[in-house]
Amino acid sequence: MPVLPGAEPYRHEGGEVGVLLCHGFTGTPQSLRPWAEYLAERGLTVSLPLLPGHGTRWEDLAVTAWQDWYAEVDRALRDLTGRCSQVFVFGLSMGGALALRLAARHGDEVAGLVLVNPGNKVHGVAAHALPVARHLVRTVKGIASDIAKEGSEEVGYDRVPLHAAHQLRGFFRVVDRELPQVTQPLMVLHSVQDHVVPPADSARVLSRVSSRDVTEILLEQSYHVATLDHDADRIFDESHAFIDRLAPSVGKTPSEGVTSPGEGAEGTGSGG
């Protein structure tokens, strides 16, 4: 199945410090591509995978499980830790939950986390009906492109398959139980006005992790997909400063050398 234009995964071979970026539910790497390129231009090794079932058609998402999504970022993390001295994990929305689980399970292999509007729960009365409703109704209206900035659009599905929403609900429950195992330095940036994930989810994450080095930043000009919104530059700058503080080797290159900014960055034409 062809990948939607702009939804391709992205990689950049940079220096000794790596960053894994995790996109959100029904979204694609496109929502994080400007962030990934910003980091690549500053000499970091960057990995931005396309999650299984995403970036093609919603029917493909309907036949995946949360274990498939997590397995992809777990594989990407193992690849980065094999080539970098330190690896940070960044995530948007469900990607934030994926990042938290990686941190809980991989310990010191994750040097720090930056989360933007992380999801922690499927909200609404209908969420409790998902186990049954998914057999009666295939899809509901999509959640993509919750962006305040005029002219900015997210590449994502216009429908949410309820089977996948049921999987997401189960995944959030798993991650919530594991939050006390998260001890790494943590930065959470969340929008004051978000029509997809309420601020309560960020508050829940902050209250349950065991991290002692914690930074919370409010994004006052953006909606859910803040990485494509008015606060994008602030997110990029704050996240780079976070890495710079924690990773003394930022900017240093591996022994084999490093490509200059703009080189070595590539998006592959297929994913999953």
Protein backbone atom coordinates (compact mmCIF):
# COMPACT_ATOMS: atom_id res chain seq x y z
CA MET A 1 0.00 0.00 0.00
CA PRO A 2 1.54 3.36 -1.04
CA VAL A 3 2.46 5.79 1.74
CA LEU A 4 0.63 9.13 1.75
CA PRO A 5 2.75 12.00 0.37
CA GLY A 6 4.75 13.52 3.23
CA ALA A 7 4.12 10.58 5.56
CA GLU A 8 7.42 8.83 4.89
CA PRO A 9 9.75 7.89 7.76
CA TYR A 10 12.85 10.06 8.20
CA ARG A 11 16.43 9.33 9.22
CA HIS A 12 19.56 11.43 9.59
CA GLU A 13 23.00 10.13 10.48
CA GLY A 14 24.58 12.73 12.73
CA GLY A 15 26.73 12.74 15.85
CA GLU A 16 27.02 10.70 19.02
CA VAL A 17 23.71 11.89 20.46
CA GLY A 18 20.56 10.41 18.98
CA VAL A 19 16.89 11.35 19.10
CA LEU A 20 13.96 9.05 18.44
CA LEU A 21 10.72 10.86 17.59
CA CYS A 22 7.34 9.12 17.94
CA HIS A 23 4.28 10.41 16.08
CA GLY A 24 0.69 10.18 17.26
CA PHE A 25 -2.39 8.02 16.73
CA THR A 26 -3.74 8.21 13.13
CA GLY A 27 -0.93 10.69 12.37
CA THR A 28 2.35 10.30 10.50
CA PRO A 29 6.01 11.42 10.66
CA GLN A 30 4.91 14.57 8.80
CA SER A 31 3.67 16.07 12.08
CA LEU A 32 7.19 15.83 13.52
CA ARG A 33 9.26 16.28 10.37
CA PRO A 34 10.14 19.98 10.96
CA TRP A 35 11.27 19.07 14.51
CA ALA A 36 13.35 16.17 13.20
CA GLU A 37 15.00 18.36 10.56
CA TYR A 38 15.73 21.06 13.14
CA LEU A 39 17.58 18.50 15.28
CA ALA A 40 19.37 17.03 12.27
CA GLU A 41 20.63 20.47 11.26
CA ARG A 42 22.26 20.72 14.70
CA GLY A 43 24.29 17.56 14.23
CA LEU A 44 22.10 15.03 16.03
CA THR A 45 21.39 11.54 14.77
CA VAL A 46 17.64 11.39 14.20
CA SER A 47 15.13 8.57 13.71
CA LEU A 48 11.45 9.24 12.95
CA PRO A 49 9.71 5.96 12.06
CA LEU A 50 6.28 5.43 10.54
CA LEU A 51 4.12 3.35 12.86
CA PRO A 52 2.43 0.22 11.46
CA GLY A 53 -1.05 0.84 10.08
CA HIS A 54 -0.39 4.58 9.73
CA GLY A 55 0.30 6.75 6.70
CA THR A 56 -1.63 4.67 4.16
CA ARG A 57 -5.40 4.18 4.74
CA TRP A 58 -7.47 3.77 7.88
CA GLU A 59 -8.34 0.19 6.95
CA ASP A 60 -4.68 -0.71 7.58
CA LEU A 61 -4.81 0.78 11.06
CA ALA A 62 -7.94 -1.23 11.85
CA VAL A 63 -6.00 -4.51 11.65
CA THR A 64 -3.08 -3.50 13.88
CA ALA A 65 -2.61 -3.77 17.64
CA TRP A 66 -0.85 -1.47 20.08
CA GLN A 67 1.91 -4.04 20.39
CA ASP A 68 2.68 -3.43 16.68
CA TRP A 69 3.08 0.32 17.24
CA TYR A 70 5.27 -0.16 20.29
CA ALA A 71 7.42 -2.81 18.60
CA GLU A 72 8.34 -0.33 15.86
CA VAL A 73 9.61 2.36 18.23
CA ASP A 74 11.32 -0.28 20.38
CA ARG A 75 13.18 -1.49 17.29
CA ALA A 76 14.12 2.08 16.36
CA LEU A 77 15.42 2.74 19.88
CA ARG A 78 17.58 -0.39 19.84
CA ASP A 79 19.02 0.68 16.51
CA LEU A 80 19.90 4.13 17.85
CA THR A 81 21.43 2.83 21.09
CA GLY A 82 23.67 0.62 18.97
CA ARG A 83 25.20 3.63 17.21
CA CYS A 84 24.89 6.54 19.68
CA SER A 85 26.40 7.21 23.11
CA GLN A 86 23.17 8.82 24.37
CA VAL A 87 19.61 8.61 23.07
CA PHE A 88 16.66 10.86 23.85
CA VAL A 89 13.05 10.04 23.02
CA PHE A 90 10.52 12.68 21.96
CA GLY A 91 6.81 12.14 21.36
CA LEU A 92 3.59 13.86 20.36
CA SER A 93 0.21 12.70 21.71
CA MET A 94 0.17 8.87 21.65
CA GLY A 95 3.82 9.19 20.68
CA GLY A 96 4.33 10.61 24.16
CA ALA A 97 2.88 7.42 25.65
CA LEU A 98 5.15 5.34 23.44
CA ALA A 99 8.12 7.38 24.65
CA LEU A 100 7.11 6.88 28.29
CA ARG A 101 6.90 3.12 27.88
CA LEU A 102 10.32 3.04 26.23
CA ALA A 103 11.70 4.96 29.20
CA ALA A 104 9.99 2.67 31.72
CA ARG A 105 11.28 -0.49 30.07
CA HIS A 106 14.75 0.57 28.86
CA GLY A 107 15.96 2.56 31.87
CA ASP A 108 19.36 4.19 31.39
CA GLU A 109 19.31 3.51 27.64
CA VAL A 110 16.94 6.51 27.43
CA ALA A 111 18.75 9.68 28.50
CA GLY A 112 15.68 11.91 28.67
CA LEU A 113 12.15 12.54 27.39
CA VAL A 114 10.43 15.49 25.71
CA LEU A 115 6.67 15.09 25.39
CA VAL A 116 4.22 17.35 23.58
CA ASN A 117 0.56 17.00 24.59
CA PRO A 118 1.06 13.38 25.68
CA GLY A 119 -2.00 11.15 25.69
CA ASN A 120 -2.85 9.11 28.77
CA LYS A 121 -6.52 8.17 28.42
CA VAL A 122 -9.28 7.80 25.83
CA HIS A 123 -11.86 10.26 27.15
CA GLY A 124 -15.63 10.43 26.99
CA VAL A 125 -18.51 8.15 27.90
CA ALA A 126 -18.16 6.39 24.54
CA ALA A 127 -14.71 5.12 25.54
CA HIS A 128 -16.31 2.62 27.90
CA ALA A 129 -18.45 1.29 25.05
CA LEU A 130 -15.50 0.58 22.75
CA PRO A 131 -15.26 -3.16 23.50
CA VAL A 132 -18.79 -3.59 22.08
CA ALA A 133 -19.13 -0.55 19.79
CA ARG A 134 -16.14 -1.54 17.66
CA HIS A 135 -18.13 -4.56 16.45
CA LEU A 136 -21.11 -2.40 15.48
CA VAL A 137 -19.52 0.80 14.11
CA ARG A 138 -16.32 0.66 12.07
CA THR A 139 -15.16 4.26 12.26
CA VAL A 140 -15.83 7.72 13.68
CA LYS A 141 -14.70 11.18 12.59
CA GLY A 142 -10.95 11.73 12.53
CA ILE A 143 -8.87 13.80 14.95
CA ALA A 144 -6.14 15.07 12.61
CA SER A 145 -5.20 18.73 12.08
CA ASP A 146 -6.17 20.23 15.44
CA ILE A 147 -3.98 23.25 14.66
CA ALA A 148 -4.56 26.94 15.37
CA LYS A 149 -2.13 28.21 12.73
CA GLU A 150 -3.91 29.08 9.52
CA GLY A 151 -2.68 27.13 6.51
CA SER A 152 -0.93 24.43 8.56
CA GLU A 153 -2.30 20.93 8.06
CA GLU A 154 -1.47 17.51 9.45
CA VAL A 155 -1.22 14.45 7.22
CA GLY A 156 -3.44 11.89 8.94
CA TYR A 157 -6.58 9.82 8.59
CA ASP A 158 -9.98 11.49 8.34
CA ARG A 159 -11.55 8.49 10.09
CA VAL A 160 -10.66 6.67 13.31
CA PRO A 161 -11.30 2.92 13.23
CA LEU A 162 -12.90 1.92 16.52
CA HIS A 163 -10.89 -1.29 16.71
CA ALA A 164 -7.74 0.85 16.79
CA ALA A 165 -9.29 3.22 19.35
CA HIS A 166 -9.98 0.17 21.54
CA GLN A 167 -6.32 -0.81 21.17
CA LEU A 168 -5.26 2.71 22.10
CA ARG A 169 -7.39 2.62 25.25
CA GLY A 170 -5.73 -0.61 26.32
CA PHE A 171 -2.27 0.76 25.58
CA PHE A 172 -2.85 3.89 27.66
CA ARG A 173 -3.84 1.69 30.59
CA VAL A 174 -0.62 -0.30 30.29
CA VAL A 175 1.50 2.85 30.14
CA ASP A 176 -0.30 4.46 33.08
CA ARG A 177 0.60 1.48 35.28
CA GLU A 178 4.25 1.79 34.23
CA LEU A 179 4.63 5.54 34.81
CA PRO A 180 6.24 5.15 38.27
CA GLN A 181 9.08 3.29 36.53
CA VAL A 182 9.97 6.43 34.54
CA THR A 183 12.93 8.11 36.26
CA GLN A 184 14.62 9.98 33.41
CA PRO A 185 14.79 13.78 33.05
CA LEU A 186 11.47 14.86 31.58
CA MET A 187 10.12 17.90 29.75
CA VAL A 188 6.38 18.15 29.11
CA LEU A 189 5.03 20.87 26.83
CA HIS A 190 1.25 21.04 26.64
CA SER A 191 -1.27 23.35 25.03
CA VAL A 192 -3.68 25.39 27.08
CA GLN A 193 -6.35 24.73 24.44
CA ASP A 194 -6.30 21.22 22.98
CA HIS A 195 -9.35 19.65 21.32
CA VAL A 196 -7.90 16.12 21.26
CA VAL A 197 -6.00 15.56 24.53
CA PRO A 198 -7.01 17.56 27.63
CA PRO A 199 -4.41 19.11 29.97
CA ALA A 200 -5.48 16.51 32.55
CA ASP A 201 -3.43 13.91 30.65
CA SER A 202 -0.20 15.89 31.06
CA ALA A 203 -1.05 16.46 34.72
CA ARG A 204 -1.57 12.73 35.21
CA VAL A 205 1.79 11.93 33.63
CA LEU A 206 3.59 14.54 35.73
CA SER A 207 1.98 13.28 38.93
CA ARG A 208 2.82 9.60 38.41
CA VAL A 209 6.37 9.51 37.01
CA SER A 210 9.31 9.13 39.39
CA SER A 211 11.50 11.62 37.49
CA ARG A 212 13.11 14.28 39.70
CA ASP A 213 14.37 16.49 36.86
CA VAL A 214 11.04 17.73 35.47
CA THR A 215 10.16 20.77 33.36
CA GLU A 216 6.61 21.77 32.45
CA ILE A 217 5.96 24.37 29.74
CA LEU A 218 2.57 25.78 28.73
CA LEU A 219 1.92 26.40 25.04
CA GLU A 220 -0.55 29.27 24.84
CA GLN A 221 -0.82 29.76 21.07
CA SER A 222 -1.25 26.21 19.79
CA TYR A 223 -3.79 23.40 19.70
CA HIS A 224 -3.02 19.68 19.82
CA VAL A 225 -0.52 19.33 16.96
CA ALA A 226 1.71 22.00 18.46
CA THR A 227 4.74 20.84 16.47
CA LEU A 228 3.07 22.30 13.36
CA ASP A 229 1.52 25.26 15.15
CA HIS A 230 2.48 28.73 16.42
CA ASP A 231 4.62 27.34 19.27
CA ALA A 232 6.67 25.00 17.08
CA ASP A 233 9.86 27.08 17.23
CA ARG A 234 9.65 27.24 21.00
CA ILE A 235 9.24 23.46 21.21
CA PHE A 236 12.26 22.94 18.98
CA ASP A 237 14.46 25.42 20.88
CA GLU A 238 13.45 24.16 24.35
CA SER A 239 14.02 20.54 23.38
CA HIS A 240 17.47 21.27 21.98
CA ALA A 241 18.41 23.21 25.12
CA PHE A 242 17.20 20.21 27.17
CA ILE A 243 19.52 17.88 25.23
CA ASP A 244 22.40 20.35 25.37
CA ARG A 245 22.12 20.47 29.17
CA LEU A 246 22.07 16.71 29.61
CA ALA A 247 24.38 15.50 26.85
CA PRO A 248 27.90 17.01 26.91
CA SER A 249 28.69 15.19 23.65
CA VAL A 250 26.16 17.16 21.59
CA GLY A 251 27.85 18.36 18.46
CA LYS A 252 30.63 15.80 18.67
CA THR A 253 30.80 13.32 15.84
CA PRO A 254 31.42 9.59 15.85
CA SER A 255 34.86 8.37 14.83
CA GLU A 256 33.69 7.73 11.27
CA GLY A 257 32.68 11.41 10.91
CA VAL A 258 29.37 13.08 10.32
CA THR A 259 27.51 14.52 7.36
CA SER A 260 27.09 18.26 7.25
CA PRO A 261 23.63 19.71 7.91
CA GLY A 262 21.30 18.84 5.07
CA GLU A 263 23.27 15.78 4.00
CA GLY A 264 22.51 12.24 5.03
CA ALA A 265 18.88 13.09 5.71
CA GLU A 266 16.51 10.92 3.82
CA GLY A 267 12.91 9.81 3.82
CA THR A 268 12.19 6.32 2.57
CA GLY A 269 9.24 5.67 0.38
CA SER A 270 7.75 2.86 2.41
CA GLY A 271 7.11 2.13 6.03
CA GLY A 272 5.14 0.05 8.44
